Amino acid sequence: MAGQKYDTEEFRNKLEATHDFPTLYMFKFIVTDDKKQEVENLFPMNEVSFKPSSKGKYISVTAKVMASSSDYVIDIYKRAKQIEGIIAL
């Protein structure tokens, strides 16, 4: 797990170097249609949009969220990681 801690710290440093928090942050994920609601549940009371792939097998999910800190962004990604088959962009 030491590698995961390092990756989180590295990601936090990149977020803080490129964003002034609080900031409007855009999350993008790709999931199968049956996982769409699980991703939407990560963003209660936030704007979430969906776009089906050309063959309809996958859904692109975009959420625009006012992120209070880099830790908030990291927490969303950690929670998203629990959704089976999710791809974060």
PDB file of N, CA and C in Angstrom:
ATOM      1  N   MET A   1       0.802  -1.197   0.000  1.00  0.00           N
ATOM      2  CA  MET A   1       0.000   0.000   0.000  1.00  0.00           C
ATOM      3  C   MET A   1       0.847   1.263   0.000  1.00  0.00           C
ATOM      4  N   ALA A   2       2.122   1.123   0.218  1.00  0.00           N
ATOM      5  CA  ALA A   2       2.985   2.307   0.224  1.00  0.00           C
ATOM      6  C   ALA A   2       2.934   3.012  -1.123  1.00  0.00           C
ATOM      7  N   GLY A   3       2.864   2.239  -2.220  1.00  0.00           N
ATOM      8  CA  GLY A   3       2.772   2.827  -3.548  1.00  0.00           C
ATOM      9  C   GLY A   3       1.507   3.643  -3.717  1.00  0.00           C
ATOM     10  N   GLN A   4       0.388   3.156  -3.151  1.00  0.00           N
ATOM     11  CA  GLN A   4      -0.872   3.877  -3.251  1.00  0.00           C
ATOM     12  C   GLN A   4      -0.785   5.200  -2.489  1.00  0.00           C
ATOM     13  N   LYS A   5      -0.169   5.189  -1.326  1.00  0.00           N
ATOM     14  CA  LYS A   5       0.004   6.416  -0.542  1.00  0.00           C
ATOM     15  C   LYS A   5       0.826   7.417  -1.348  1.00  0.00           C
ATOM     16  N   TYR A   6       1.886   6.935  -1.974  1.00  0.00           N
ATOM     17  CA  TYR A   6       2.729   7.800  -2.790  1.00  0.00           C
ATOM     18  C   TYR A   6       1.928   8.387  -3.948  1.00  0.00           C
ATOM     19  N   ASP A   7       1.135   7.546  -4.638  1.00  0.00           N
ATOM     20  CA  ASP A   7       0.348   8.015  -5.764  1.00  0.00           C
ATOM     21  C   ASP A   7      -0.656   9.079  -5.326  1.00  0.00           C
ATOM     22  N   THR A   8      -1.268   8.884  -4.167  1.00  0.00           N
ATOM     23  CA  THR A   8      -2.223   9.860  -3.645  1.00  0.00           C
ATOM     24  C   THR A   8      -1.524  11.171  -3.345  1.00  0.00           C
ATOM     25  N   GLU A   9      -0.373  11.094  -2.732  1.00  0.00           N
ATOM     26  CA  GLU A   9       0.374  12.320  -2.412  1.00  0.00           C
ATOM     27  C   GLU A   9       0.816  13.032  -3.688  1.00  0.00           C
ATOM     28  N   GLU A  10       1.253  12.279  -4.657  1.00  0.00           N
ATOM     29  CA  GLU A  10       1.680  12.863  -5.927  1.00  0.00           C
ATOM     30  C   GLU A  10       0.495  13.541  -6.620  1.00  0.00           C
ATOM     31  N   PHE A  11      -0.658  12.873  -6.616  1.00  0.00           N
ATOM     32  CA  PHE A  11      -1.859  13.439  -7.224  1.00  0.00           C
ATOM     33  C   PHE A  11      -2.287  14.709  -6.483  1.00  0.00           C
ATOM     34  N   ARG A  12      -2.244  14.665  -5.148  1.00  0.00           N
ATOM     35  CA  ARG A  12      -2.591  15.845  -4.339  1.00  0.00           C
ATOM     36  C   ARG A  12      -1.682  17.022  -4.705  1.00  0.00           C
ATOM     37  N   ASN A  13      -0.401  16.759  -4.823  1.00  0.00           N
ATOM     38  CA  ASN A  13       0.549  17.822  -5.178  1.00  0.00           C
ATOM     39  C   ASN A  13       0.243  18.403  -6.557  1.00  0.00           C
ATOM     40  N   LYS A  14      -0.103  17.547  -7.516  1.00  0.00           N
ATOM     41  CA  LYS A  14      -0.442  18.022  -8.860  1.00  0.00           C
ATOM     42  C   LYS A  14      -1.718  18.856  -8.834  1.00  0.00           C
ATOM     43  N   LEU A  15      -2.709  18.376  -8.094  1.00  0.00           N
ATOM     44  CA  LEU A  15      -3.967  19.139  -7.982  1.00  0.00           C
ATOM     45  C   LEU A  15      -3.713  20.525  -7.402  1.00  0.00           C
ATOM     46  N   GLU A  16      -2.939  20.577  -6.338  1.00  0.00           N
ATOM     47  CA  GLU A  16      -2.691  21.854  -5.664  1.00  0.00           C
ATOM     48  C   GLU A  16      -1.811  22.780  -6.496  1.00  0.00           C
ATOM     49  N   ALA A  17      -0.991  22.204  -7.359  1.00  0.00           N
ATOM     50  CA  ALA A  17      -0.146  23.028  -8.218  1.00  0.00           C
ATOM     51  C   ALA A  17      -0.925  23.611  -9.398  1.00  0.00           C
ATOM     52  N   THR A  18      -2.014  22.949  -9.784  1.00  0.00           N
ATOM     53  CA  THR A  18      -2.742  23.380 -10.977  1.00  0.00           C
ATOM     54  C   THR A  18      -4.113  23.994 -10.691  1.00  0.00           C
ATOM     55  N   HIS A  19      -4.568  23.948  -9.440  1.00  0.00           N
ATOM     56  CA  HIS A  19      -5.881  24.498  -9.091  1.00  0.00           C
ATOM     57  C   HIS A  19      -5.780  25.375  -7.850  1.00  0.00           C
ATOM     58  N   ASP A  20      -6.574  26.432  -7.830  1.00  0.00           N
ATOM     59  CA  ASP A  20      -6.723  27.255  -6.635  1.00  0.00           C
ATOM     60  C   ASP A  20      -8.059  26.892  -6.007  1.00  0.00           C
ATOM     61  N   PHE A  21      -8.004  26.188  -4.892  1.00  0.00           N
ATOM     62  CA  PHE A  21      -9.226  25.732  -4.217  1.00  0.00           C
ATOM     63  C   PHE A  21      -9.773  26.823  -3.317  1.00  0.00           C
ATOM     64  N   PRO A  22     -11.104  26.913  -3.232  1.00  0.00           N
ATOM     65  CA  PRO A  22     -12.113  26.126  -3.929  1.00  0.00           C
ATOM     66  C   PRO A  22     -12.148  26.468  -5.412  1.00  0.00           C
ATOM     67  N   THR A  23     -12.538  25.467  -6.211  1.00  0.00           N
ATOM     68  CA  THR A  23     -12.569  25.635  -7.657  1.00  0.00           C
ATOM     69  C   THR A  23     -13.634  24.737  -8.280  1.00  0.00           C
ATOM     70  N   LEU A  24     -14.088  25.111  -9.458  1.00  0.00           N
ATOM     71  CA  LEU A  24     -14.998  24.250 -10.203  1.00  0.00           C
ATOM     72  C   LEU A  24     -14.148  23.149 -10.836  1.00  0.00           C
ATOM     73  N   TYR A  25     -14.429  21.904 -10.479  1.00  0.00           N
ATOM     74  CA  TYR A  25     -13.638  20.772 -10.942  1.00  0.00           C
ATOM     75  C   TYR A  25     -14.534  19.854 -11.761  1.00  0.00           C
ATOM     76  N   MET A  26     -14.020  19.374 -12.876  1.00  0.00           N
ATOM     77  CA  MET A  26     -14.794  18.493 -13.739  1.00  0.00           C
ATOM     78  C   MET A  26     -14.283  17.057 -13.625  1.00  0.00           C
ATOM     79  N   PHE A  27     -15.190  16.165 -13.233  1.00  0.00           N
ATOM     80  CA  PHE A  27     -14.909  14.736 -13.178  1.00  0.00           C
ATOM     81  C   PHE A  27     -15.474  14.099 -14.437  1.00  0.00           C
ATOM     82  N   LYS A  28     -14.724  13.157 -15.034  1.00  0.00           N
ATOM     83  CA  LYS A  28     -15.209  12.433 -16.203  1.00  0.00           C
ATOM     84  C   LYS A  28     -14.945  10.940 -15.986  1.00  0.00           C
ATOM     85  N   PHE A  29     -15.993  10.167 -16.227  1.00  0.00           N
ATOM     86  CA  PHE A  29     -15.903   8.724 -16.061  1.00  0.00           C
ATOM     87  C   PHE A  29     -16.580   8.040 -17.245  1.00  0.00           C
ATOM     88  N   ILE A  30     -16.205   6.793 -17.472  1.00  0.00           N
ATOM     89  CA  ILE A  30     -16.891   5.945 -18.445  1.00  0.00           C
ATOM     90  C   ILE A  30     -17.333   4.692 -17.696  1.00  0.00           C
ATOM     91  N   VAL A  31     -18.617   4.342 -17.878  1.00  0.00           N
ATOM     92  CA  VAL A  31     -19.186   3.162 -17.227  1.00  0.00           C
ATOM     93  C   VAL A  31     -20.178   2.500 -18.172  1.00  0.00           C
ATOM     94  N   THR A  32     -20.570   1.289 -17.822  1.00  0.00           N
ATOM     95  CA  THR A  32     -21.664   0.655 -18.532  1.00  0.00           C
ATOM     96  C   THR A  32     -22.965   1.263 -18.022  1.00  0.00           C
ATOM     97  N   ASP A  33     -24.018   1.130 -18.815  1.00  0.00           N
ATOM     98  CA  ASP A  33     -25.293   1.772 -18.484  1.00  0.00           C
ATOM     99  C   ASP A  33     -25.806   1.375 -17.099  1.00  0.00           C
ATOM    100  N   ASP A  34     -25.583   0.130 -16.703  1.00  0.00           N
ATOM    101  CA  ASP A  34     -26.097  -0.329 -15.408  1.00  0.00           C
ATOM    102  C   ASP A  34     -25.361   0.284 -14.211  1.00  0.00           C
ATOM    103  N   LYS A  35     -24.254   0.973 -14.445  1.00  0.00           N
ATOM    104  CA  LYS A  35     -23.491   1.614 -13.362  1.00  0.00           C
ATOM    105  C   LYS A  35     -23.699   3.130 -13.326  1.00  0.00           C
ATOM    106  N   LYS A  36     -24.479   3.638 -14.262  1.00  0.00           N
ATOM    107  CA  LYS A  36     -24.703   5.082 -14.390  1.00  0.00           C
ATOM    108  C   LYS A  36     -25.215   5.703 -13.088  1.00  0.00           C
ATOM    109  N   GLN A  37     -26.189   5.062 -12.451  1.00  0.00           N
ATOM    110  CA  GLN A  37     -26.776   5.605 -11.220  1.00  0.00           C
ATOM    111  C   GLN A  37     -25.755   5.636 -10.084  1.00  0.00           C
ATOM    112  N   GLU A  38     -24.885   4.638 -10.012  1.00  0.00           N
ATOM    113  CA  GLU A  38     -23.864   4.607  -8.961  1.00  0.00           C
ATOM    114  C   GLU A  38     -22.931   5.809  -9.080  1.00  0.00           C
ATOM    115  N   VAL A  39     -22.567   6.161 -10.314  1.00  0.00           N
ATOM    116  CA  VAL A  39     -21.696   7.318 -10.523  1.00  0.00           C
ATOM    117  C   VAL A  39     -22.459   8.597 -10.191  1.00  0.00           C
ATOM    118  N   GLU A  40     -23.693   8.681 -10.635  1.00  0.00           N
ATOM    119  CA  GLU A  40     -24.496   9.873 -10.343  1.00  0.00           C
ATOM    120  C   GLU A  40     -24.644  10.085  -8.835  1.00  0.00           C
ATOM    121  N   ASN A  41     -24.727   9.000  -8.086  1.00  0.00           N
ATOM    122  CA  ASN A  41     -24.855   9.086  -6.630  1.00  0.00           C
ATOM    123  C   ASN A  41     -23.629   9.704  -5.952  1.00  0.00           C
ATOM    124  N   LEU A  42     -22.495   9.720  -6.639  1.00  0.00           N
ATOM    125  CA  LEU A  42     -21.289  10.351  -6.087  1.00  0.00           C
ATOM    126  C   LEU A  42     -21.442  11.871  -6.016  1.00  0.00           C
ATOM    127  N   PHE A  43     -22.394  12.404  -6.785  1.00  0.00           N
ATOM    128  CA  PHE A  43     -22.515  13.854  -6.939  1.00  0.00           C
ATOM    129  C   PHE A  43     -23.924  14.357  -6.630  1.00  0.00           C
ATOM    130  N   PRO A  44     -24.405  14.131  -5.407  1.00  0.00           N
ATOM    131  CA  PRO A  44     -25.747  14.620  -5.091  1.00  0.00           C
ATOM    132  C   PRO A  44     -25.778  16.149  -5.179  1.00  0.00           C
ATOM    133  N   MET A  45     -26.841  16.647  -5.760  1.00  0.00           N
ATOM    134  CA  MET A  45     -27.058  18.092  -5.872  1.00  0.00           C
ATOM    135  C   MET A  45     -25.998  18.796  -6.736  1.00  0.00           C
ATOM    136  N   ASN A  46     -25.444  18.079  -7.704  1.00  0.00           N
ATOM    137  CA  ASN A  46     -24.496  18.663  -8.645  1.00  0.00           C
ATOM    138  C   ASN A  46     -24.947  18.336 -10.064  1.00  0.00           C
ATOM    139  N   GLU A  47     -24.495  19.150 -10.996  1.00  0.00           N
ATOM    140  CA  GLU A  47     -24.824  18.930 -12.402  1.00  0.00           C
ATOM    141  C   GLU A  47     -24.046  17.724 -12.924  1.00  0.00           C
ATOM    142  N   VAL A  48     -24.791  16.739 -13.437  1.00  0.00           N
ATOM    143  CA  VAL A  48     -24.189  15.535 -13.996  1.00  0.00           C
ATOM    144  C   VAL A  48     -24.792  15.331 -15.386  1.00  0.00           C
ATOM    145  N   SER A  49     -23.939  15.109 -16.384  1.00  0.00           N
ATOM    146  CA  SER A  49     -24.444  14.864 -17.735  1.00  0.00           C
ATOM    147  C   SER A  49     -23.956  13.502 -18.228  1.00  0.00           C
ATOM    148  N   PHE A  50     -24.734  12.940 -19.153  1.00  0.00           N
ATOM    149  CA  PHE A  50     -24.464  11.605 -19.668  1.00  0.00           C
ATOM    150  C   PHE A  50     -24.446  11.648 -21.188  1.00  0.00           C
ATOM    151  N   LYS A  51     -23.538  10.871 -21.759  1.00  0.00           N
ATOM    152  CA  LYS A  51     -23.483  10.762 -23.215  1.00  0.00           C
ATOM    153  C   LYS A  51     -23.183   9.306 -23.562  1.00  0.00           C
ATOM    154  N   PRO A  52     -24.088   8.657 -24.281  1.00  0.00           N
ATOM    155  CA  PRO A  52     -23.842   7.260 -24.651  1.00  0.00           C
ATOM    156  C   PRO A  52     -22.765   7.159 -25.733  1.00  0.00           C
ATOM    157  N   SER A  53     -22.044   6.046 -25.713  1.00  0.00           N
ATOM    158  CA  SER A  53     -21.053   5.802 -26.764  1.00  0.00           C
ATOM    159  C   SER A  53     -21.783   5.545 -28.077  1.00  0.00           C
ATOM    160  N   SER A  54     -21.060   5.556 -29.168  1.00  0.00           N
ATOM    161  CA  SER A  54     -21.677   5.397 -30.493  1.00  0.00           C
ATOM    162  C   SER A  54     -22.431   4.072 -30.631  1.00  0.00           C
ATOM    163  N   LYS A  55     -21.945   3.023 -29.991  1.00  0.00           N
ATOM    164  CA  LYS A  55     -22.623   1.733 -30.058  1.00  0.00           C
ATOM    165  C   LYS A  55     -23.536   1.493 -28.855  1.00  0.00           C
ATOM    166  N   GLY A  56     -23.556   2.456 -27.920  1.00  0.00           N
ATOM    167  CA  GLY A  56     -24.452   2.366 -26.778  1.00  0.00           C
ATOM    168  C   GLY A  56     -24.012   1.432 -25.661  1.00  0.00           C
ATOM    169  N   LYS A  57     -22.810   0.899 -25.767  1.00  0.00           N
ATOM    170  CA  LYS A  57     -22.342  -0.041 -24.742  1.00  0.00           C
ATOM    171  C   LYS A  57     -21.873   0.683 -23.475  1.00  0.00           C
ATOM    172  N   TYR A  58     -21.378   1.878 -23.623  1.00  0.00           N
ATOM    173  CA  TYR A  58     -20.844   2.643 -22.500  1.00  0.00           C
ATOM    174  C   TYR A  58     -21.503   4.013 -22.407  1.00  0.00           C
ATOM    175  N   ILE A  59     -21.389   4.606 -21.230  1.00  0.00           N
ATOM    176  CA  ILE A  59     -21.910   5.947 -20.979  1.00  0.00           C
ATOM    177  C   ILE A  59     -20.753   6.797 -20.460  1.00  0.00           C
ATOM    178  N   SER A  60     -20.589   7.962 -21.043  1.00  0.00           N
ATOM    179  CA  SER A  60     -19.629   8.940 -20.544  1.00  0.00           C
ATOM    180  C   SER A  60     -20.369   9.813 -19.536  1.00  0.00           C
ATOM    181  N   VAL A  61     -19.807   9.948 -18.348  1.00  0.00           N
ATOM    182  CA  VAL A  61     -20.433  10.726 -17.283  1.00  0.00           C
ATOM    183  C   VAL A  61     -19.517  11.906 -16.956  1.00  0.00           C
ATOM    184  N   THR A  62     -20.089  13.100 -16.976  1.00  0.00           N
ATOM    185  CA  THR A  62     -19.338  14.306 -16.632  1.00  0.00           C
ATOM    186  C   THR A  62     -20.064  15.005 -15.487  1.00  0.00           C
ATOM    187  N   ALA A  63     -19.318  15.355 -14.458  1.00  0.00           N
ATOM    188  CA  ALA A  63     -19.883  16.070 -13.317  1.00  0.00           C
ATOM    189  C   ALA A  63     -19.037  17.304 -13.044  1.00  0.00           C
ATOM    190  N   LYS A  64     -19.705  18.440 -12.938  1.00  0.00           N
ATOM    191  CA  LYS A  64     -19.036  19.688 -12.580  1.00  0.00           C
ATOM    192  C   LYS A  64     -19.381  19.981 -11.127  1.00  0.00           C
ATOM    193  N   VAL A  65     -18.338  20.074 -10.306  1.00  0.00           N
ATOM    194  CA  VAL A  65     -18.511  20.172  -8.865  1.00  0.00           C
ATOM    195  C   VAL A  65     -17.643  21.292  -8.312  1.00  0.00           C
ATOM    196  N   MET A  66     -18.173  22.037  -7.356  1.00  0.00           N
ATOM    197  CA  MET A  66     -17.352  23.019  -6.652  1.00  0.00           C
ATOM    198  C   MET A  66     -16.562  22.243  -5.594  1.00  0.00           C
ATOM    199  N   ALA A  67     -15.281  22.059  -5.859  1.00  0.00           N
ATOM    200  CA  ALA A  67     -14.411  21.291  -4.970  1.00  0.00           C
ATOM    201  C   ALA A  67     -13.756  22.224  -3.967  1.00  0.00           C
ATOM    202  N   SER A  68     -13.913  21.900  -2.704  1.00  0.00           N
ATOM    203  CA  SER A  68     -13.378  22.748  -1.640  1.00  0.00           C
ATOM    204  C   SER A  68     -11.872  22.563  -1.437  1.00  0.00           C
ATOM    205  N   SER A  69     -11.356  21.379  -1.812  1.00  0.00           N
ATOM    206  CA  SER A  69      -9.933  21.095  -1.578  1.00  0.00           C
ATOM    207  C   SER A  69      -9.480  19.920  -2.436  1.00  0.00           C
ATOM    208  N   SER A  70      -8.186  19.707  -2.481  1.00  0.00           N
ATOM    209  CA  SER A  70      -7.646  18.548  -3.196  1.00  0.00           C
ATOM    210  C   SER A  70      -8.100  17.262  -2.520  1.00  0.00           C
ATOM    211  N   ASP A  71      -8.246  17.281  -1.197  1.00  0.00           N
ATOM    212  CA  ASP A  71      -8.710  16.091  -0.479  1.00  0.00           C
ATOM    213  C   ASP A  71     -10.128  15.707  -0.901  1.00  0.00           C
ATOM    214  N   TYR A  72     -10.962  16.705  -1.172  1.00  0.00           N
ATOM    215  CA  TYR A  72     -12.329  16.439  -1.642  1.00  0.00           C
ATOM    216  C   TYR A  72     -12.279  15.705  -2.984  1.00  0.00           C
ATOM    217  N   VAL A  73     -11.452  16.180  -3.911  1.00  0.00           N
ATOM    218  CA  VAL A  73     -11.313  15.553  -5.227  1.00  0.00           C
ATOM    219  C   VAL A  73     -10.817  14.116  -5.071  1.00  0.00           C
ATOM    220  N   ILE A  74      -9.812  13.929  -4.257  1.00  0.00           N
ATOM    221  CA  ILE A  74      -9.249  12.592  -4.037  1.00  0.00           C
ATOM    222  C   ILE A  74     -10.288  11.659  -3.430  1.00  0.00           C
ATOM    223  N   ASP A  75     -11.094  12.166  -2.505  1.00  0.00           N
ATOM    224  CA  ASP A  75     -12.137  11.356  -1.881  1.00  0.00           C
ATOM    225  C   ASP A  75     -13.156  10.866  -2.921  1.00  0.00           C
ATOM    226  N   ILE A  76     -13.543  11.734  -3.843  1.00  0.00           N
ATOM    227  CA  ILE A  76     -14.485  11.333  -4.900  1.00  0.00           C
ATOM    228  C   ILE A  76     -13.873  10.211  -5.745  1.00  0.00           C
ATOM    229  N   TYR A  77     -12.604  10.368  -6.123  1.00  0.00           N
ATOM    230  CA  TYR A  77     -11.960   9.323  -6.924  1.00  0.00           C
ATOM    231  C   TYR A  77     -11.846   8.008  -6.149  1.00  0.00           C
ATOM    232  N   LYS A  78     -11.581   8.066  -4.860  1.00  0.00           N
ATOM    233  CA  LYS A  78     -11.511   6.846  -4.050  1.00  0.00           C
ATOM    234  C   LYS A  78     -12.866   6.157  -3.994  1.00  0.00           C
ATOM    235  N   ARG A  79     -13.929   6.939  -3.837  1.00  0.00           N
ATOM    236  CA  ARG A  79     -15.280   6.369  -3.806  1.00  0.00           C
ATOM    237  C   ARG A  79     -15.650   5.809  -5.181  1.00  0.00           C
ATOM    238  N   ALA A  80     -15.261   6.509  -6.240  1.00  0.00           N
ATOM    239  CA  ALA A  80     -15.554   6.043  -7.599  1.00  0.00           C
ATOM    240  C   ALA A  80     -14.851   4.721  -7.891  1.00  0.00           C
ATOM    241  N   LYS A  81     -13.677   4.568  -7.350  1.00  0.00           N
ATOM    242  CA  LYS A  81     -12.886   3.354  -7.583  1.00  0.00           C
ATOM    243  C   LYS A  81     -13.622   2.101  -7.098  1.00  0.00           C
ATOM    244  N   GLN A  82     -14.569   2.268  -6.188  1.00  0.00           N
ATOM    245  CA  GLN A  82     -15.335   1.137  -5.669  1.00  0.00           C
ATOM    246  C   GLN A  82     -16.394   0.647  -6.658  1.00  0.00           C
ATOM    247  N   ILE A  83     -16.666   1.437  -7.701  1.00  0.00           N
ATOM    248  CA  ILE A  83     -17.663   1.060  -8.701  1.00  0.00           C
ATOM    249  C   ILE A  83     -17.000   0.140  -9.724  1.00  0.00           C
ATOM    250  N   GLU A  84     -17.541  -1.053  -9.835  1.00  0.00           N
ATOM    251  CA  GLU A  84     -16.950  -2.064 -10.706  1.00  0.00           C
ATOM    252  C   GLU A  84     -16.928  -1.612 -12.166  1.00  0.00           C
ATOM    253  N   GLY A  85     -15.749  -1.708 -12.772  1.00  0.00           N
ATOM    254  CA  GLY A  85     -15.593  -1.422 -14.197  1.00  0.00           C
ATOM    255  C   GLY A  85     -15.476   0.051 -14.580  1.00  0.00           C
ATOM    256  N   ILE A  86     -15.453   0.937 -13.604  1.00  0.00           N
ATOM    257  CA  ILE A  86     -15.394   2.366 -13.909  1.00  0.00           C
ATOM    258  C   ILE A  86     -14.033   2.738 -14.486  1.00  0.00           C
ATOM    259  N   ILE A  87     -14.058   3.677 -15.422  1.00  0.00           N
ATOM    260  CA  ILE A  87     -12.828   4.221 -15.990  1.00  0.00           C
ATOM    261  C   ILE A  87     -12.855   5.722 -15.729  1.00  0.00           C
ATOM    262  N   ALA A  88     -11.829   6.220 -15.049  1.00  0.00           N
ATOM    263  CA  ALA A  88     -11.721   7.661 -14.787  1.00  0.00           C
ATOM    264  C   ALA A  88     -10.853   8.280 -15.860  1.00  0.00           C
ATOM    265  N   LEU A  89     -11.293   9.409 -16.366  1.00  0.00           N
ATOM    266  CA  LEU A  89     -10.533  10.112 -17.407  1.00  0.00           C
ATOM    267  C   LEU A  89      -9.867  11.351 -16.812  1.00  0.00           C
TER     268      LEU A  89
END
